[in-house]
Every structure is written in structure tokens, then in C-alpha cells.
Amino acid sequence: MTVPVDETTLLKQGFTQEQVSHLRATRIAIQERQKAQVMTIRRRLEFARWLIATGRITEQVC
């Protein structure tokens, strides 16, 4: 995981305000995508647990 850098630091290092804004929007988009992926995985696991709990699938290999 990376350490967030504040806007002032980026501006002092030569980034333009537009670049800083783009970086912020990119970070937000990545975080939202990761949250969506985690939710998808959780839903799939819950569904698999439900299938096992209701006897619709078993661990037995035929």
C-alpha cells in the first residue's frame, strides 16, 4: 500500500493543479473498483455457502 501524498507536496514537486486533480480522481476510481471487486467476491462466497448449507452442492466428488 502506498502512503498518500498531500496536494501541497505534489505542487511543490512540480505537478500542475490539473495533474494533481487527475491523480486524485484516478485514486478514487481505483478505490471504488477495488471495493466493487471485494463485494463481488463476498457475494460469491455467500452464495457458495448457501449452496452448501441447503445441500444443493456437496464436497463429495463423483
PDB file of N, CA and C in Angstrom:
ATOM      1  N   MET A   1       0.846  -1.177   0.000  1.00  0.00           N
ATOM      2  CA  MET A   1       0.000   0.000   0.000  1.00  0.00           C
ATOM      3  C   MET A   1       0.891   1.240   0.000  1.00  0.00           C
ATOM      4  N   THR A   2       0.478   2.242  -0.722  1.00  0.00           N
ATOM      5  CA  THR A   2       1.265   3.464  -0.815  1.00  0.00           C
ATOM      6  C   THR A   2       0.810   4.470   0.235  1.00  0.00           C
ATOM      7  N   VAL A   3       1.722   5.351   0.565  1.00  0.00           N
ATOM      8  CA  VAL A   3       1.419   6.415   1.513  1.00  0.00           C
ATOM      9  C   VAL A   3       0.856   7.596   0.726  1.00  0.00           C
ATOM     10  N   PRO A   4      -0.319   8.085   1.109  1.00  0.00           N
ATOM     11  CA  PRO A   4      -0.891   9.224   0.388  1.00  0.00           C
ATOM     12  C   PRO A   4      -0.010  10.468   0.519  1.00  0.00           C
ATOM     13  N   VAL A   5       0.105  11.186  -0.555  1.00  0.00           N
ATOM     14  CA  VAL A   5       0.877  12.427  -0.567  1.00  0.00           C
ATOM     15  C   VAL A   5      -0.115  13.567  -0.716  1.00  0.00           C
ATOM     16  N   ASP A   6       0.037  14.582   0.103  1.00  0.00           N
ATOM     17  CA  ASP A   6      -0.931  15.675   0.032  1.00  0.00           C
ATOM     18  C   ASP A   6      -0.691  16.558  -1.191  1.00  0.00           C
ATOM     19  N   GLU A   7      -1.715  17.311  -1.508  1.00  0.00           N
ATOM     20  CA  GLU A   7      -1.707  18.148  -2.714  1.00  0.00           C
ATOM     21  C   GLU A   7      -0.562  19.161  -2.704  1.00  0.00           C
ATOM     22  N   THR A   8      -0.287  19.755  -1.568  1.00  0.00           N
ATOM     23  CA  THR A   8       0.770  20.765  -1.463  1.00  0.00           C
ATOM     24  C   THR A   8       2.130  20.179  -1.833  1.00  0.00           C
ATOM     25  N   THR A   9       2.401  18.978  -1.353  1.00  0.00           N
ATOM     26  CA  THR A   9       3.671  18.321  -1.658  1.00  0.00           C
ATOM     27  C   THR A   9       3.815  18.087  -3.154  1.00  0.00           C
ATOM     28  N   LEU A  10       2.734  17.625  -3.784  1.00  0.00           N
ATOM     29  CA  LEU A  10       2.784  17.378  -5.228  1.00  0.00           C
ATOM     30  C   LEU A  10       3.032  18.680  -5.997  1.00  0.00           C
ATOM     31  N   LEU A  11       2.365  19.748  -5.577  1.00  0.00           N
ATOM     32  CA  LEU A  11       2.548  21.034  -6.258  1.00  0.00           C
ATOM     33  C   LEU A  11       3.982  21.536  -6.094  1.00  0.00           C
ATOM     34  N   LYS A  12       4.553  21.348  -4.897  1.00  0.00           N
ATOM     35  CA  LYS A  12       5.938  21.770  -4.659  1.00  0.00           C
ATOM     36  C   LYS A  12       6.920  20.954  -5.493  1.00  0.00           C
ATOM     37  N   GLN A  13       6.544  19.711  -5.811  1.00  0.00           N
ATOM     38  CA  GLN A  13       7.423  18.849  -6.599  1.00  0.00           C
ATOM     39  C   GLN A  13       7.269  19.078  -8.099  1.00  0.00           C
ATOM     40  N   GLY A  14       6.428  20.033  -8.495  1.00  0.00           N
ATOM     41  CA  GLY A  14       6.344  20.401  -9.898  1.00  0.00           C
ATOM     42  C   GLY A  14       5.107  19.920 -10.636  1.00  0.00           C
ATOM     43  N   PHE A  15       4.195  19.245  -9.953  1.00  0.00           N
ATOM     44  CA  PHE A  15       2.955  18.833 -10.612  1.00  0.00           C
ATOM     45  C   PHE A  15       2.062  20.045 -10.803  1.00  0.00           C
ATOM     46  N   THR A  16       1.313  20.046 -11.891  1.00  0.00           N
ATOM     47  CA  THR A  16       0.340  21.118 -12.093  1.00  0.00           C
ATOM     48  C   THR A  16      -0.931  20.775 -11.325  1.00  0.00           C
ATOM     49  N   GLN A  17      -1.773  21.773 -11.121  1.00  0.00           N
ATOM     50  CA  GLN A  17      -3.049  21.545 -10.429  1.00  0.00           C
ATOM     51  C   GLN A  17      -3.888  20.526 -11.200  1.00  0.00           C
ATOM     52  N   GLU A  18      -3.833  20.585 -12.503  1.00  0.00           N
ATOM     53  CA  GLU A  18      -4.584  19.637 -13.343  1.00  0.00           C
ATOM     54  C   GLU A  18      -4.083  18.206 -13.119  1.00  0.00           C
ATOM     55  N   GLN A  19      -2.775  18.037 -13.046  1.00  0.00           N
ATOM     56  CA  GLN A  19      -2.211  16.706 -12.816  1.00  0.00           C
ATOM     57  C   GLN A  19      -2.589  16.172 -11.437  1.00  0.00           C
ATOM     58  N   VAL A  20      -2.561  17.046 -10.444  1.00  0.00           N
ATOM     59  CA  VAL A  20      -2.932  16.649  -9.084  1.00  0.00           C
ATOM     60  C   VAL A  20      -4.399  16.212  -9.063  1.00  0.00           C
ATOM     61  N   SER A  21      -5.242  16.970  -9.725  1.00  0.00           N
ATOM     62  CA  SER A  21      -6.665  16.621  -9.788  1.00  0.00           C
ATOM     63  C   SER A  21      -6.866  15.281 -10.487  1.00  0.00           C
ATOM     64  N   HIS A  22      -6.115  15.057 -11.552  1.00  0.00           N
ATOM     65  CA  HIS A  22      -6.211  13.792 -12.282  1.00  0.00           C
ATOM     66  C   HIS A  22      -5.747  12.623 -11.402  1.00  0.00           C
ATOM     67  N   LEU A  23      -4.669  12.811 -10.674  1.00  0.00           N
ATOM     68  CA  LEU A  23      -4.179  11.773  -9.769  1.00  0.00           C
ATOM     69  C   LEU A  23      -5.214  11.450  -8.688  1.00  0.00           C
ATOM     70  N   ARG A  24      -5.836  12.482  -8.145  1.00  0.00           N
ATOM     71  CA  ARG A  24      -6.856  12.284  -7.113  1.00  0.00           C
ATOM     72  C   ARG A  24      -8.043  11.501  -7.682  1.00  0.00           C
ATOM     73  N   ALA A  25      -8.494  11.875  -8.866  1.00  0.00           N
ATOM     74  CA  ALA A  25      -9.623  11.178  -9.494  1.00  0.00           C
ATOM     75  C   ALA A  25      -9.267   9.733  -9.818  1.00  0.00           C
ATOM     76  N   THR A  26      -8.043   9.499 -10.247  1.00  0.00           N
ATOM     77  CA  THR A  26      -7.590   8.145 -10.548  1.00  0.00           C
ATOM     78  C   THR A  26      -7.562   7.298  -9.283  1.00  0.00           C
ATOM     79  N   ARG A  27      -7.054   7.847  -8.200  1.00  0.00           N
ATOM     80  CA  ARG A  27      -7.007   7.121  -6.927  1.00  0.00           C
ATOM     81  C   ARG A  27      -8.419   6.751  -6.457  1.00  0.00           C
ATOM     82  N   ILE A  28      -9.339   7.683  -6.555  1.00  0.00           N
ATOM     83  CA  ILE A  28     -10.725   7.424  -6.154  1.00  0.00           C
ATOM     84  C   ILE A  28     -11.335   6.323  -7.016  1.00  0.00           C
ATOM     85  N   ALA A  29     -11.109   6.388  -8.316  1.00  0.00           N
ATOM     86  CA  ALA A  29     -11.650   5.375  -9.228  1.00  0.00           C
ATOM     87  C   ALA A  29     -11.101   3.991  -8.902  1.00  0.00           C
ATOM     88  N   ILE A  30      -9.822   3.913  -8.608  1.00  0.00           N
ATOM     89  CA  ILE A  30      -9.201   2.625  -8.266  1.00  0.00           C
ATOM     90  C   ILE A  30      -9.790   2.091  -6.965  1.00  0.00           C
ATOM     91  N   GLN A  31      -9.946   2.939  -5.972  1.00  0.00           N
ATOM     92  CA  GLN A  31     -10.507   2.516  -4.688  1.00  0.00           C
ATOM     93  C   GLN A  31     -11.942   2.011  -4.852  1.00  0.00           C
ATOM     94  N   GLU A  32     -12.727   2.705  -5.667  1.00  0.00           N
ATOM     95  CA  GLU A  32     -14.114   2.283  -5.901  1.00  0.00           C
ATOM     96  C   GLU A  32     -14.158   0.943  -6.620  1.00  0.00           C
ATOM     97  N   ARG A  33     -13.270   0.738  -7.592  1.00  0.00           N
ATOM     98  CA  ARG A  33     -13.208  -0.530  -8.320  1.00  0.00           C
ATOM     99  C   ARG A  33     -12.819  -1.667  -7.374  1.00  0.00           C
ATOM    100  N   GLN A  34     -11.870  -1.404  -6.486  1.00  0.00           N
ATOM    101  CA  GLN A  34     -11.454  -2.428  -5.527  1.00  0.00           C
ATOM    102  C   GLN A  34     -12.592  -2.782  -4.573  1.00  0.00           C
ATOM    103  N   LYS A  35     -13.342  -1.784  -4.127  1.00  0.00           N
ATOM    104  CA  LYS A  35     -14.484  -2.047  -3.245  1.00  0.00           C
ATOM    105  C   LYS A  35     -15.524  -2.904  -3.963  1.00  0.00           C
ATOM    106  N   ALA A  36     -15.775  -2.601  -5.229  1.00  0.00           N
ATOM    107  CA  ALA A  36     -16.744  -3.371  -6.011  1.00  0.00           C
ATOM    108  C   ALA A  36     -16.278  -4.811  -6.176  1.00  0.00           C
ATOM    109  N   GLN A  37     -14.991  -5.009  -6.399  1.00  0.00           N
ATOM    110  CA  GLN A  37     -14.455  -6.356  -6.545  1.00  0.00           C
ATOM    111  C   GLN A  37     -14.590  -7.144  -5.250  1.00  0.00           C
ATOM    112  N   VAL A  38     -14.326  -6.498  -4.128  1.00  0.00           N
ATOM    113  CA  VAL A  38     -14.463  -7.158  -2.831  1.00  0.00           C
ATOM    114  C   VAL A  38     -15.921  -7.565  -2.602  1.00  0.00           C
ATOM    115  N   MET A  39     -16.839  -6.694  -2.930  1.00  0.00           N
ATOM    116  CA  MET A  39     -18.255  -7.009  -2.755  1.00  0.00           C
ATOM    117  C   MET A  39     -18.665  -8.181  -3.644  1.00  0.00           C
ATOM    118  N   THR A  40     -18.164  -8.231  -4.861  1.00  0.00           N
ATOM    119  CA  THR A  40     -18.465  -9.343  -5.760  1.00  0.00           C
ATOM    120  C   THR A  40     -17.953 -10.659  -5.187  1.00  0.00           C
ATOM    121  N   ILE A  41     -16.749 -10.641  -4.674  1.00  0.00           N
ATOM    122  CA  ILE A  41     -16.174 -11.851  -4.076  1.00  0.00           C
ATOM    123  C   ILE A  41     -16.996 -12.287  -2.866  1.00  0.00           C
ATOM    124  N   ARG A  42     -17.382 -11.340  -2.028  1.00  0.00           N
ATOM    125  CA  ARG A  42     -18.188 -11.668  -0.848  1.00  0.00           C
ATOM    126  C   ARG A  42     -19.516 -12.293  -1.252  1.00  0.00           C
ATOM    127  N   ARG A  43     -20.171 -11.719  -2.251  1.00  0.00           N
ATOM    128  CA  ARG A  43     -21.460 -12.268  -2.708  1.00  0.00           C
ATOM    129  C   ARG A  43     -21.298 -13.688  -3.235  1.00  0.00           C
ATOM    130  N   ARG A  44     -20.237 -13.927  -3.972  1.00  0.00           N
ATOM    131  CA  ARG A  44     -19.999 -15.280  -4.489  1.00  0.00           C
ATOM    132  C   ARG A  44     -19.755 -16.272  -3.363  1.00  0.00           C
ATOM    133  N   LEU A  45     -18.983 -15.860  -2.353  1.00  0.00           N
ATOM    134  CA  LEU A  45     -18.739 -16.730  -1.207  1.00  0.00           C
ATOM    135  C   LEU A  45     -20.028 -17.011  -0.434  1.00  0.00           C
ATOM    136  N   GLU A  46     -20.841 -15.979  -0.241  1.00  0.00           N
ATOM    137  CA  GLU A  46     -22.119 -16.173   0.439  1.00  0.00           C
ATOM    138  C   GLU A  46     -23.011 -17.130  -0.343  1.00  0.00           C
ATOM    139  N   PHE A  47     -23.013 -17.016  -1.653  1.00  0.00           N
ATOM    140  CA  PHE A  47     -23.813 -17.904  -2.489  1.00  0.00           C
ATOM    141  C   PHE A  47     -23.296 -19.335  -2.391  1.00  0.00           C
ATOM    142  N   ALA A  48     -21.992 -19.515  -2.413  1.00  0.00           N
ATOM    143  CA  ALA A  48     -21.405 -20.854  -2.291  1.00  0.00           C
ATOM    144  C   ALA A  48     -21.759 -21.457  -0.934  1.00  0.00           C
ATOM    145  N   ARG A  49     -21.683 -20.648   0.113  1.00  0.00           N
ATOM    146  CA  ARG A  49     -22.062 -21.140   1.448  1.00  0.00           C
ATOM    147  C   ARG A  49     -23.527 -21.544   1.486  1.00  0.00           C
ATOM    148  N   TRP A  50     -24.381 -20.760   0.846  1.00  0.00           N
ATOM    149  CA  TRP A  50     -25.800 -21.076   0.793  1.00  0.00           C
ATOM    150  C   TRP A  50     -26.030 -22.387   0.035  1.00  0.00           C
ATOM    151  N   LEU A  51     -25.330 -22.568  -1.070  1.00  0.00           N
ATOM    152  CA  LEU A  51     -25.465 -23.814  -1.827  1.00  0.00           C
ATOM    153  C   LEU A  51     -25.092 -25.020  -0.968  1.00  0.00           C
ATOM    154  N   ILE A  52     -24.027 -24.892  -0.193  1.00  0.00           N
ATOM    155  CA  ILE A  52     -23.598 -25.987   0.675  1.00  0.00           C
ATOM    156  C   ILE A  52     -24.601 -26.183   1.815  1.00  0.00           C
ATOM    157  N   ALA A  53     -25.028 -25.091   2.435  1.00  0.00           N
ATOM    158  CA  ALA A  53     -25.947 -25.173   3.574  1.00  0.00           C
ATOM    159  C   ALA A  53     -27.284 -25.793   3.190  1.00  0.00           C
ATOM    160  N   THR A  54     -27.734 -25.557   1.982  1.00  0.00           N
ATOM    161  CA  THR A  54     -29.028 -26.089   1.547  1.00  0.00           C
ATOM    162  C   THR A  54     -28.896 -27.454   0.882  1.00  0.00           C
ATOM    163  N   GLY A  55     -27.675 -27.963   0.796  1.00  0.00           N
ATOM    164  CA  GLY A  55     -27.462 -29.290   0.225  1.00  0.00           C
ATOM    165  C   GLY A  55     -27.528 -29.339  -1.290  1.00  0.00           C
ATOM    166  N   ARG A  56     -27.518 -28.210  -1.925  1.00  0.00           N
ATOM    167  CA  ARG A  56     -27.574 -28.192  -3.397  1.00  0.00           C
ATOM    168  C   ARG A  56     -26.258 -28.622  -4.021  1.00  0.00           C
ATOM    169  N   ILE A  57     -25.158 -28.412  -3.272  1.00  0.00           N
ATOM    170  CA  ILE A  57     -23.869 -28.968  -3.692  1.00  0.00           C
ATOM    171  C   ILE A  57     -23.196 -29.547  -2.452  1.00  0.00           C
ATOM    172  N   THR A  58     -22.307 -30.484  -2.680  1.00  0.00           N
ATOM    173  CA  THR A  58     -21.553 -31.076  -1.586  1.00  0.00           C
ATOM    174  C   THR A  58     -20.088 -31.099  -1.956  1.00  0.00           C
ATOM    175  N   GLU A  59     -19.274 -31.449  -0.997  1.00  0.00           N
ATOM    176  CA  GLU A  59     -17.843 -31.568  -1.242  1.00  0.00           C
ATOM    177  C   GLU A  59     -17.488 -32.923  -1.840  1.00  0.00           C
ATOM    178  N   GLN A  60     -18.486 -33.813  -1.900  1.00  0.00           N
ATOM    179  CA  GLN A  60     -18.255 -35.148  -2.433  1.00  0.00           C
ATOM    180  C   GLN A  60     -18.007 -35.090  -3.936  1.00  0.00           C
ATOM    181  N   VAL A  61     -16.937 -35.771  -4.370  1.00  0.00           N
ATOM    182  CA  VAL A  61     -16.594 -35.815  -5.788  1.00  0.00           C
ATOM    183  C   VAL A  61     -17.188 -37.111  -6.373  1.00  0.00           C
ATOM    184  N   CYS A  62     -17.875 -36.948  -7.468  1.00  0.00           N
ATOM    185  CA  CYS A  62     -18.490 -38.132  -8.100  1.00  0.00           C
ATOM    186  C   CYS A  62     -17.585 -38.759  -9.120  1.00  0.00           C
TER     187      CYS A  62
END
